[in-house]
């Protein structure tokens, strides 16, 4: 069968032939229609992600949409190595599949599920968010962050504060549900003071997609804000702003900040599946805005290395 094959760490996947998966146990053979490219997929392909097993070659991809032998459409995740989702077929156990609502097409479902799950799980599984709370989203101008704004709104956030560097996207976030936007182009004391003002007014949950300097400023500002009452639940999701931070211990000693991570390993498998189901069902009723670029799997090499233009790349099978 045709697939996107990763032959060694750091190499771009190649479009080629790979043995079809054997169907054993309760697994069913899914005919794949769409699979999205994400930072997680790229990180696993490079061998750098903490969930990578370091064995090559393998097929890229961690999730996708396809059809069971019965014809039912499903979203599915985490096939067993060396198989991935960027292939014509994959063998998956029923427990790793979620029904795709009729109102969602294959490409949209594949594009939405993973980035949407990141904020849905962070809010519902890790932060124990309740409607009426204020949410600050650090790094809201990427695909996941833009969905996070919409999902927080859908789940009933009273106020949404969004940060980012792209001025055009920051401006557009107001139409997606952001009440306040903060540009990260201002750094140092000025940015910390801007954060402090928001924390003083009241922030319940922080979803952090960046880590690095902006997260440092957020945490220090939260501690200095003097806000009292419920703890600020800080949920760390991504680290595109830096892999580490330098944080004075006094920040945690002098405040009621609760820090958690949200991702593979910190969210239970049932929680992961609940989150994906929630995203797909919500999107079927009230579509979430997301920019998508559908690409034939045969063009995987070019698409894998293309510049990020803000669109979610989804590979379609059969070409």
Protein backbone atom coordinates (compact mmCIF):
# COMPACT_ATOMS: atom_id res chain seq x y z
CA UNK A 1 0.00 0.00 0.00
CA UNK A 2 1.07 3.64 -0.46
CA UNK A 3 2.20 5.53 2.62
CA UNK A 4 4.33 8.40 3.97
CA UNK A 5 7.41 6.54 5.20
CA UNK A 6 9.93 7.93 7.70
CA UNK A 7 13.21 6.10 7.08
CA UNK A 8 15.52 7.76 9.64
CA UNK A 9 15.52 10.55 12.27
CA UNK A 10 15.43 14.04 10.79
CA UNK A 11 14.54 12.92 7.26
CA UNK A 12 11.45 14.07 5.41
CA UNK A 13 8.94 11.25 4.87
CA UNK A 14 8.89 9.74 1.39
CA UNK A 15 5.84 8.57 -0.54
CA UNK A 16 6.27 4.90 -1.28
CA UNK A 17 5.16 1.33 -0.76
CA UNK A 18 4.85 -0.23 2.70
CA UNK A 19 3.46 -3.66 3.62
CA UNK A 20 -0.24 -3.55 4.43
CA UNK A 21 -1.08 -4.07 8.11
CA UNK A 22 -2.20 -7.46 9.36
CA UNK A 23 -5.59 -7.54 11.05
CA UNK A 24 -5.40 -9.39 14.36
CA UNK A 25 -7.56 -9.65 17.47
CA UNK A 26 -10.47 -7.24 17.50
CA UNK A 27 -8.85 -4.80 15.05
CA UNK A 28 -10.60 -3.74 11.87
CA UNK A 29 -9.02 -2.56 8.63
CA UNK A 30 -9.83 1.10 8.07
CA UNK A 31 -9.69 2.64 4.62
CA UNK A 32 -8.04 5.99 5.38
CA UNK A 33 -9.38 9.11 3.71
CA UNK A 34 -7.62 11.98 5.53
CA UNK A 35 -4.80 12.52 8.03
CA UNK A 36 -3.56 15.86 9.35
CA UNK A 37 0.00 17.13 9.73
CA UNK A 38 0.78 18.54 13.18
CA UNK A 39 3.74 19.49 15.33
CA UNK A 40 3.20 16.24 17.22
CA UNK A 41 3.45 14.25 13.98
CA UNK A 42 6.64 16.07 12.99
CA UNK A 43 8.19 15.69 16.44
CA UNK A 44 7.46 11.96 16.54
CA UNK A 45 8.86 11.57 13.02
CA UNK A 46 12.09 13.27 14.08
CA UNK A 47 12.40 10.90 17.04
CA UNK A 48 12.49 13.87 19.43
CA UNK A 49 9.06 13.54 21.02
CA UNK A 50 8.83 11.83 24.42
CA UNK A 51 6.34 9.33 22.99
CA UNK A 52 8.65 8.23 20.14
CA UNK A 53 10.11 4.70 20.29
CA UNK A 54 13.10 5.53 18.06
CA UNK A 55 12.52 2.61 15.67
CA UNK A 56 12.68 3.18 11.92
CA UNK A 57 11.27 2.90 9.29
CA UNK A 58 7.65 3.65 10.14
CA UNK A 59 4.61 5.37 8.69
CA UNK A 60 4.01 8.96 9.81
CA UNK A 61 0.79 10.15 11.40
CA UNK A 62 -0.99 9.75 14.73
CA UNK A 63 -4.65 10.25 13.80
CA UNK A 64 -6.97 10.30 10.85
CA UNK A 65 -10.42 9.76 9.41
CA UNK A 66 -11.55 6.78 7.40
CA UNK A 67 -14.16 4.10 6.88
CA UNK A 68 -14.69 0.79 8.56
CA UNK A 69 -15.59 -2.30 6.48
CA UNK A 70 -19.22 -1.52 7.36
CA UNK A 71 -18.90 1.88 5.69
CA UNK A 72 -19.17 3.81 8.96
CA UNK A 73 -16.98 6.92 9.13
CA UNK A 74 -14.66 7.15 12.13
CA UNK A 75 -11.90 9.29 13.53
CA UNK A 76 -9.10 7.07 14.86
CA UNK A 77 -5.86 7.46 16.76
CA UNK A 78 -2.58 5.79 17.66
CA UNK A 79 -2.12 2.75 15.42
CA UNK A 80 0.55 0.31 16.57
CA UNK A 81 4.11 0.85 15.30
CA UNK A 82 5.43 0.76 12.66
CA UNK A 83 2.07 1.85 11.26
CA UNK A 84 0.85 5.42 11.18
CA UNK A 85 -2.19 7.12 9.78
CA UNK A 86 -0.69 8.59 6.60
CA UNK A 87 -1.36 5.49 4.56
CA UNK A 88 -4.10 3.95 2.48
CA UNK A 89 -5.11 1.58 5.26
CA UNK A 90 -4.56 0.96 8.95
CA UNK A 91 -5.66 -1.71 11.43
CA UNK A 92 -7.31 -0.19 14.50
CA UNK A 93 -9.16 -1.59 17.51
CA UNK A 94 -12.71 -0.27 18.04
CA UNK A 95 -11.68 1.39 21.29
CA UNK A 96 -9.44 3.76 19.33
CA UNK A 97 -12.25 4.95 17.05
CA UNK A 98 -14.86 7.70 17.41
CA UNK A 99 -17.87 8.11 15.13
CA UNK A 100 -17.67 11.21 12.90
CA UNK A 101 -20.93 13.23 12.88
CA UNK A 102 -22.66 13.39 9.50
CA UNK A 103 -22.37 17.18 9.43
CA UNK A 104 -18.54 17.03 9.35
CA UNK A 105 -16.67 16.10 6.19
CA UNK A 106 -13.57 13.89 6.42
CA UNK A 107 -10.99 16.63 5.86
CA UNK A 108 -12.54 19.03 8.39
CA UNK A 109 -12.84 16.30 11.03
CA UNK A 110 -9.19 15.31 10.51
CA UNK A 111 -8.07 18.94 10.72
CA UNK A 112 -10.05 19.79 13.86
CA UNK A 113 -9.67 16.81 16.14
CA UNK A 114 -6.11 17.06 17.42
CA UNK A 115 -5.70 20.84 17.82
CA UNK A 116 -9.23 21.14 19.17
CA UNK A 117 -8.65 18.34 21.64
CA UNK A 118 -5.63 20.17 23.09
CA UNK A 119 -7.72 22.98 24.56
CA UNK A 120 -10.84 20.90 25.23
CA UNK A 121 -8.81 18.42 27.31
CA UNK A 122 -6.83 21.19 29.03
CA UNK A 123 -10.03 22.95 30.07
CA UNK A 124 -12.27 20.03 30.96
CA UNK A 125 -9.83 17.30 32.05
CA UNK A 126 -6.98 19.28 33.60
CA UNK A 127 -8.31 22.71 34.66
CA UNK A 128 -11.78 21.55 35.72
CA UNK A 129 -13.14 24.62 33.98
CA UNK A 130 -16.71 25.69 34.70
CA UNK A 131 -18.84 28.08 32.67
CA UNK A 132 -18.56 31.70 33.76
CA UNK A 133 -14.80 31.67 34.39
CA UNK A 134 -12.14 33.82 32.74
CA UNK A 135 -9.58 32.13 30.48
CA UNK A 136 -6.24 33.52 29.30
CA UNK A 137 -4.80 31.79 26.22
CA UNK A 138 -1.07 32.36 25.79
CA UNK A 139 -0.21 31.79 22.13
CA UNK A 140 -3.64 32.16 20.57
CA UNK A 141 -2.62 33.06 17.02
CA UNK A 142 -1.72 29.53 15.87
CA UNK A 143 -4.27 26.96 14.75
CA UNK A 144 -4.58 25.37 18.21
CA UNK A 145 -4.77 28.75 19.91
CA UNK A 146 -7.47 30.07 17.60
CA UNK A 147 -9.51 26.94 18.25
CA UNK A 148 -8.87 27.36 21.98
CA UNK A 149 -10.54 30.79 21.87
CA UNK A 150 -13.58 29.33 20.12
CA UNK A 151 -13.75 26.29 22.40
CA UNK A 152 -13.46 28.37 25.56
CA UNK A 153 -16.31 30.50 24.23
CA UNK A 154 -18.36 27.40 23.36
CA UNK A 155 -17.84 25.99 26.86
CA UNK A 156 -19.11 29.19 28.45
CA UNK A 157 -16.10 31.34 29.33
CA UNK A 158 -17.19 34.73 30.72
CA UNK A 159 -14.08 36.51 29.44
CA UNK A 160 -11.29 35.37 27.10
CA UNK A 161 -7.86 37.02 26.99
CA UNK A 162 -5.68 36.07 24.01
CA UNK A 163 -1.98 36.71 23.46
CA UNK A 164 0.20 36.38 20.36
CA UNK A 165 2.63 38.07 18.01
CA UNK A 166 0.72 38.16 14.72
CA UNK A 167 -1.15 41.50 14.71
CA UNK A 168 -3.59 40.55 11.96
CA UNK A 169 -4.61 37.31 13.67
CA UNK A 170 -4.83 39.02 17.06
CA UNK A 171 -7.27 41.50 15.58
CA UNK A 172 -9.30 38.70 14.01
CA UNK A 173 -9.54 36.84 17.32
CA UNK A 174 -12.16 39.34 18.47
CA UNK A 175 -14.56 37.85 15.91
CA UNK A 176 -13.84 34.36 17.29
CA UNK A 177 -14.65 35.23 20.89
CA UNK A 178 -11.62 37.00 22.41
CA UNK A 179 -12.59 39.92 24.65
CA UNK A 180 -9.03 41.19 25.20
CA UNK A 181 -5.89 40.73 23.11
CA UNK A 182 -2.30 41.31 24.22
CA UNK A 183 0.61 41.57 21.79
CA UNK A 184 3.72 39.67 22.79
CA UNK A 185 5.88 41.98 20.71
CA UNK A 186 6.14 44.14 23.82
CA UNK A 187 8.50 42.41 26.22
CA UNK A 188 9.99 42.93 29.66
CA UNK A 189 8.41 45.17 32.28
CA UNK A 190 5.78 46.55 29.92
CA UNK A 191 4.40 43.12 29.06
CA UNK A 192 4.54 41.97 32.68
CA UNK A 193 2.53 45.01 33.76
CA UNK A 194 -0.06 44.37 31.05
CA UNK A 195 -0.42 40.81 32.33
CA UNK A 196 -0.56 42.00 35.95
CA UNK A 197 -3.53 44.22 35.17
CA UNK A 198 -5.49 41.30 33.74
CA UNK A 199 -4.68 39.02 36.66
CA UNK A 200 -5.68 41.75 39.10
CA UNK A 201 -9.05 41.94 37.32
CA UNK A 202 -9.42 38.18 37.65
CA UNK A 203 -8.14 35.16 35.68
CA UNK A 204 -9.24 31.63 36.54
CA UNK A 205 -7.44 29.50 33.92
CA UNK A 206 -4.34 29.99 31.78
CA UNK A 207 -3.82 27.79 28.72
CA UNK A 208 -0.16 28.10 27.76
CA UNK A 209 0.84 27.06 24.24
CA UNK A 210 4.21 28.83 24.31
CA UNK A 211 6.23 28.36 27.52
CA UNK A 212 9.51 30.31 27.37
CA UNK A 213 9.75 34.05 28.20
CA UNK A 214 6.04 34.84 27.87
CA UNK A 215 5.14 32.10 30.35
CA UNK A 216 7.72 33.47 32.78
CA UNK A 217 6.15 36.92 32.50
CA UNK A 218 2.66 35.49 32.98
CA UNK A 219 3.56 33.56 36.13
CA UNK A 220 5.48 36.45 37.69
CA UNK A 221 2.67 38.87 36.85
CA UNK A 222 0.09 36.53 38.35
CA UNK A 223 2.07 36.37 41.60
CA UNK A 224 2.47 40.16 41.71
CA UNK A 225 -1.14 40.93 40.89
CA UNK A 226 -2.34 40.59 44.46
CA UNK A 227 -5.40 38.72 43.25
CA UNK A 228 -7.08 36.65 45.94
CA UNK A 229 -9.76 34.01 45.91
CA UNK A 230 -9.74 30.87 43.77
CA UNK A 231 -6.34 29.56 42.64
CA UNK A 232 -5.17 30.40 39.12
CA UNK A 233 -4.98 27.10 37.22
CA UNK A 234 -2.03 27.31 34.82
CA UNK A 235 -2.12 24.50 32.23
CA UNK A 236 0.99 23.98 30.08
CA UNK A 237 0.20 22.58 26.60
CA UNK A 238 2.98 23.50 24.15
CA UNK A 239 6.50 24.88 24.09
CA UNK A 240 7.07 26.63 20.78
CA UNK A 241 8.28 29.70 22.70
CA UNK A 242 11.05 27.81 24.49
CA UNK A 243 11.66 24.44 26.13
CA UNK A 244 12.49 25.82 29.57
CA UNK A 245 11.91 28.80 31.84
CA UNK A 246 13.66 30.38 34.81
CA UNK A 247 11.15 30.88 37.59
CA UNK A 248 11.87 32.29 41.07
CA UNK A 249 10.57 29.95 43.75
CA UNK A 250 8.90 32.90 45.44
CA UNK A 251 6.39 33.03 42.59
CA UNK A 252 4.85 29.78 43.78
CA UNK A 253 5.35 30.42 47.50
CA UNK A 254 3.65 33.81 47.37
CA UNK A 255 0.67 32.90 45.22
CA UNK A 256 -2.09 30.32 44.77
CA UNK A 257 -1.01 29.31 41.28
CA UNK A 258 -1.64 25.66 40.42
CA UNK A 259 0.52 24.36 37.57
CA UNK A 260 -0.36 21.34 35.45
CA UNK A 261 0.54 19.91 32.08
CA UNK A 262 -1.89 18.68 29.45
CA UNK A 263 -0.85 16.19 26.79
CA UNK A 264 -0.14 12.56 26.07
CA UNK A 265 0.54 11.00 29.47
CA UNK A 266 -1.05 13.69 31.64
CA UNK A 267 -4.53 13.28 30.18
CA UNK A 268 -6.02 9.82 30.73
CA UNK A 269 -6.98 7.82 27.66
CA UNK A 270 -10.70 8.02 28.49
CA UNK A 271 -10.25 11.78 28.97
CA UNK A 272 -8.55 12.04 25.61
CA UNK A 273 -11.40 10.22 23.88
CA UNK A 274 -14.02 12.32 25.71
CA UNK A 275 -12.26 15.47 24.57
CA UNK A 276 -12.07 14.45 20.92
CA UNK A 277 -15.71 13.38 20.97
CA UNK A 278 -16.67 16.72 22.49
CA UNK A 279 -14.80 18.68 19.81
CA UNK A 280 -16.32 16.72 16.91
CA UNK A 281 -19.85 16.90 18.27
CA UNK A 282 -19.56 20.61 19.03
CA UNK A 283 -18.15 21.38 15.56
CA UNK A 284 -21.02 19.47 13.94
CA UNK A 285 -23.52 21.78 15.62
CA UNK A 286 -21.64 25.07 15.47
CA UNK A 287 -18.71 24.98 13.03
CA UNK A 288 -15.36 26.22 14.33
CA UNK A 289 -13.33 28.48 12.05
CA UNK A 290 -10.14 26.77 10.87
CA UNK A 291 -7.99 27.31 7.77
CA UNK A 292 -7.35 24.02 5.96
CA UNK A 293 -5.16 23.08 3.01
CA UNK A 294 -5.90 19.62 1.60
CA UNK A 295 -2.94 17.95 -0.13
CA UNK A 296 -2.65 14.55 -1.87
CA UNK A 297 -0.48 12.15 0.14
CA UNK A 298 1.79 11.81 -2.88
CA UNK A 299 2.91 15.42 -2.22
CA UNK A 300 3.93 14.65 1.37
CA UNK A 301 7.59 15.64 0.95
CA UNK A 302 6.85 19.13 -0.38
CA UNK A 303 4.03 19.80 2.08
CA UNK A 304 6.07 18.54 5.06
CA UNK A 305 8.78 21.17 4.48
CA UNK A 306 6.55 24.02 3.30
CA UNK A 307 6.43 27.28 5.21
CA UNK A 308 3.71 27.65 7.82
CA UNK A 309 1.09 29.94 6.32
CA UNK A 310 -1.46 29.46 9.06
CA UNK A 311 -3.32 26.65 7.31
CA UNK A 312 -3.78 23.16 8.72
CA UNK A 313 -2.35 20.67 6.19
CA UNK A 314 -4.47 17.55 5.72
CA UNK A 315 -3.27 14.72 3.51
CA UNK A 316 -5.88 12.94 1.43
CA UNK A 317 -5.35 9.38 0.27
CA UNK A 318 -5.47 8.11 -3.28
CA UNK A 319 -2.95 10.47 -4.81
